[in-house]
Amino acid sequence: MAILKVIEILANSKISWEDATKNAVSHASKTVKNIASVYVKEQSAVVENGEVAEFRVNVKITFSVNN
């Protein structure tokens, strides 16, 4: 039987929401092994001077826990 765990991470990027999601997975993978999936829960952006300055995501990362 597989045991899965889910953690929630906030990440950002000046490029795109996709890049912010990649940043979240990349950063999590430094300490979390066996990442199986990422679910984008929320997206938002920071606006400065009428332009999008930063993309933000709230993601859930699922990984298996070794027994």
C-alpha atoms as a PDB file:
ATOM      1  CA  MET A   1       0.000   0.000   0.000  1.00  0.00           C
ATOM      2  CA  ALA A   2       1.323   3.448  -0.942  1.00  0.00           C
ATOM      3  CA  ILE A   3       1.221   6.269   1.553  1.00  0.00           C
ATOM      4  CA  LEU A   4       0.930   9.726   0.034  1.00  0.00           C
ATOM      5  CA  LYS A   5       1.409  13.096   1.665  1.00  0.00           C
ATOM      6  CA  VAL A   6       0.298  16.531   0.437  1.00  0.00           C
ATOM      7  CA  ILE A   7       2.010  19.816   1.236  1.00  0.00           C
ATOM      8  CA  GLU A   8       0.909  23.305   0.255  1.00  0.00           C
ATOM      9  CA  ILE A   9       3.424  25.767  -1.157  1.00  0.00           C
ATOM     10  CA  LEU A  10       3.268  29.393  -2.267  1.00  0.00           C
ATOM     11  CA  ALA A  11       5.588  30.407  -5.120  1.00  0.00           C
ATOM     12  CA  ASN A  12       6.115  33.331  -7.441  1.00  0.00           C
ATOM     13  CA  SER A  13       7.677  34.325 -10.753  1.00  0.00           C
ATOM     14  CA  LYS A  14       8.121  37.480 -12.782  1.00  0.00           C
ATOM     15  CA  ILE A  15       7.580  35.434 -15.988  1.00  0.00           C
ATOM     16  CA  SER A  16       4.318  33.429 -15.708  1.00  0.00           C
ATOM     17  CA  TRP A  17       2.081  31.228 -13.560  1.00  0.00           C
ATOM     18  CA  GLU A  18       3.616  28.205 -15.262  1.00  0.00           C
ATOM     19  CA  ASP A  19       7.083  29.369 -14.247  1.00  0.00           C
ATOM     20  CA  ALA A  20       5.868  29.984 -10.684  1.00  0.00           C
ATOM     21  CA  THR A  21       4.558  26.401 -10.593  1.00  0.00           C
ATOM     22  CA  LYS A  22       7.896  25.098 -11.862  1.00  0.00           C
ATOM     23  CA  ASN A  23       9.648  27.158  -9.173  1.00  0.00           C
ATOM     24  CA  ALA A  24       7.462  25.559  -6.489  1.00  0.00           C
ATOM     25  CA  VAL A  25       8.261  22.035  -7.669  1.00  0.00           C
ATOM     26  CA  SER A  26      11.952  22.810  -8.116  1.00  0.00           C
ATOM     27  CA  HIS A  27      12.262  24.294  -4.636  1.00  0.00           C
ATOM     28  CA  ALA A  28      10.255  21.486  -2.983  1.00  0.00           C
ATOM     29  CA  SER A  29      12.314  18.801  -4.726  1.00  0.00           C
ATOM     30  CA  LYS A  30      15.414  20.012  -2.874  1.00  0.00           C
ATOM     31  CA  THR A  31      14.067  18.461   0.343  1.00  0.00           C
ATOM     32  CA  VAL A  32      11.083  16.340  -0.736  1.00  0.00           C
ATOM     33  CA  LYS A  33      11.648  13.118  -2.667  1.00  0.00           C
ATOM     34  CA  ASN A  34       9.220  11.051  -4.756  1.00  0.00           C
ATOM     35  CA  ILE A  35       7.075  13.985  -5.928  1.00  0.00           C
ATOM     36  CA  ALA A  36       4.204  12.501  -7.926  1.00  0.00           C
ATOM     37  CA  SER A  37       2.055  15.505  -8.870  1.00  0.00           C
ATOM     38  CA  VAL A  38       1.338  19.185  -8.439  1.00  0.00           C
ATOM     39  CA  TYR A  39      -2.122  20.759  -8.275  1.00  0.00           C
ATOM     40  CA  VAL A  40      -2.500  24.483  -8.823  1.00  0.00           C
ATOM     41  CA  LYS A  41      -5.024  25.560  -6.214  1.00  0.00           C
ATOM     42  CA  GLU A  42      -4.981  29.332  -6.749  1.00  0.00           C
ATOM     43  CA  GLN A  43      -3.395  31.887  -9.051  1.00  0.00           C
ATOM     44  CA  SER A  44      -2.939  35.589  -8.413  1.00  0.00           C
ATOM     45  CA  ALA A  45      -0.808  38.457  -9.642  1.00  0.00           C
ATOM     46  CA  VAL A  46       0.720  41.640  -8.318  1.00  0.00           C
ATOM     47  CA  VAL A  47      -0.012  44.720 -10.408  1.00  0.00           C
ATOM     48  CA  GLU A  48       2.308  47.728 -10.437  1.00  0.00           C
ATOM     49  CA  ASN A  49       1.731  50.804 -12.598  1.00  0.00           C
ATOM     50  CA  GLY A  50      -1.033  49.064 -14.541  1.00  0.00           C
ATOM     51  CA  GLU A  51       1.151  46.077 -15.485  1.00  0.00           C
ATOM     52  CA  VAL A  52       1.461  42.569 -14.051  1.00  0.00           C
ATOM     53  CA  ALA A  53       4.706  42.596 -12.094  1.00  0.00           C
ATOM     54  CA  GLU A  54       4.615  39.167 -10.455  1.00  0.00           C
ATOM     55  CA  PHE A  55       2.685  35.926 -10.881  1.00  0.00           C
ATOM     56  CA  ARG A  56       1.833  33.905  -7.769  1.00  0.00           C
ATOM     57  CA  VAL A  57       0.536  30.372  -7.289  1.00  0.00           C
ATOM     58  CA  ASN A  58      -0.664  28.372  -4.343  1.00  0.00           C
ATOM     59  CA  VAL A  59       0.019  24.704  -5.153  1.00  0.00           C
ATOM     60  CA  LYS A  60      -0.461  21.332  -3.520  1.00  0.00           C
ATOM     61  CA  ILE A  61       2.393  18.896  -4.061  1.00  0.00           C
ATOM     62  CA  THR A  62       1.760  15.191  -3.594  1.00  0.00           C
ATOM     63  CA  PHE A  63       4.572  12.763  -2.845  1.00  0.00           C
ATOM     64  CA  SER A  64       4.904   9.189  -1.648  1.00  0.00           C
ATOM     65  CA  VAL A  65       6.317   8.422   1.769  1.00  0.00           C
ATOM     66  CA  ASN A  66       8.708   5.490   1.998  1.00  0.00           C
ATOM     67  CA  ASN A  67       7.961   3.031   4.787  1.00  0.00           C
END
